[in-house]
Each structure stands twice: as structure tokens, then as C-alpha cells.
């Protein structure tokens, strides 16, 4: 879920207003880091894979 999906309602409930950013911003790059001992852990690998897929899907063109 992107902030644009929930921010208008949450902001209104708190009496806040939002404004467009008045300048172009570069894309933000994200990364993940974990302790080496969890690198081969199946559960941790599953979580990392699903988290990465979810972020990629949310950042894909046409999902705004």
C-alpha cells in the first residue's frame, strides 16, 4: 500500500494537508541487508523474496 492510498484520509482525520512537491526528485533506490547466518535460512529467504517482489510490483510503471 502506497502512502497516496491512505494519506488523504489519515491526514484529514488529523487535520493535516498535503501539497505537491514543487521540484523534480530522483528515484529512490532501496536495498536489503541481513546477517550472513540467515542467508541460507529457507524462511528468511522466502521472506526476502516476497518482500522484494511486493516492492517491485508496487514500483512498477502503471501502478500509481
Protein backbone atom coordinates (compact mmCIF):
# COMPACT_ATOMS: atom_id res chain seq x y z
CA UNK A 1 0.00 0.00 0.00
CA UNK A 2 1.39 3.36 -1.03
CA UNK A 3 1.06 6.49 1.10
CA UNK A 4 -1.11 8.00 -1.62
CA UNK A 5 -3.64 5.25 -0.91
CA UNK A 6 -4.18 6.14 2.76
CA UNK A 7 -2.61 9.54 3.36
CA UNK A 8 -5.55 11.75 2.29
CA UNK A 9 -7.94 10.12 4.74
CA UNK A 10 -5.41 9.85 7.56
CA UNK A 11 -4.27 13.43 7.05
CA UNK A 12 -7.83 14.74 7.03
CA UNK A 13 -8.61 12.86 10.23
CA UNK A 14 -5.63 14.56 11.86
CA UNK A 15 -6.35 17.97 10.39
CA UNK A 16 -3.32 17.83 8.09
CA UNK A 17 -2.98 18.97 4.49
CA UNK A 18 -0.69 17.67 1.77
CA UNK A 19 0.93 19.61 -1.04
CA UNK A 20 2.66 18.51 -4.23
CA UNK A 21 6.45 18.61 -4.10
CA UNK A 22 7.45 21.70 -6.13
CA UNK A 23 10.56 20.19 -7.74
CA UNK A 24 11.53 17.01 -9.53
CA UNK A 25 13.03 14.33 -7.31
CA UNK A 26 15.27 11.47 -8.38
CA UNK A 27 14.10 7.90 -7.97
CA UNK A 28 14.81 6.37 -4.57
CA UNK A 29 16.82 3.15 -4.50
CA UNK A 30 16.15 0.65 -1.77
CA UNK A 31 18.19 -2.31 -0.65
CA UNK A 32 18.05 -5.08 1.90
CA UNK A 33 20.68 -6.29 4.33
CA UNK A 34 20.73 -9.26 6.67
CA UNK A 35 23.14 -11.16 8.85
CA UNK A 36 25.16 -13.74 6.92
CA UNK A 37 23.92 -16.58 9.13
CA UNK A 38 20.39 -16.07 7.78
CA UNK A 39 21.47 -16.06 4.13
CA UNK A 40 20.65 -19.75 3.61
CA UNK A 41 17.71 -19.90 6.04
CA UNK A 42 14.66 -21.03 3.98
CA UNK A 43 12.18 -18.92 5.96
CA UNK A 44 14.32 -15.82 5.76
CA UNK A 45 14.95 -16.37 2.05
CA UNK A 46 11.19 -16.78 1.47
CA UNK A 47 10.50 -13.54 3.33
CA UNK A 48 13.19 -11.61 1.40
CA UNK A 49 11.92 -12.92 -1.93
CA UNK A 50 8.32 -11.99 -1.16
CA UNK A 51 9.25 -8.58 0.21
CA UNK A 52 11.33 -7.80 -2.89
CA UNK A 53 8.53 -8.97 -5.22
CA UNK A 54 5.98 -6.83 -3.39
CA UNK A 55 8.15 -3.72 -3.59
CA UNK A 56 8.92 -4.34 -7.28
CA UNK A 57 5.21 -4.74 -8.06
CA UNK A 58 4.33 -1.55 -6.19
CA UNK A 59 7.07 0.40 -8.00
CA UNK A 60 6.21 -0.92 -11.47
CA UNK A 61 5.04 1.64 -14.04
CA UNK A 62 1.29 1.94 -14.17
CA UNK A 63 0.71 1.10 -10.50
CA UNK A 64 0.37 4.68 -9.28
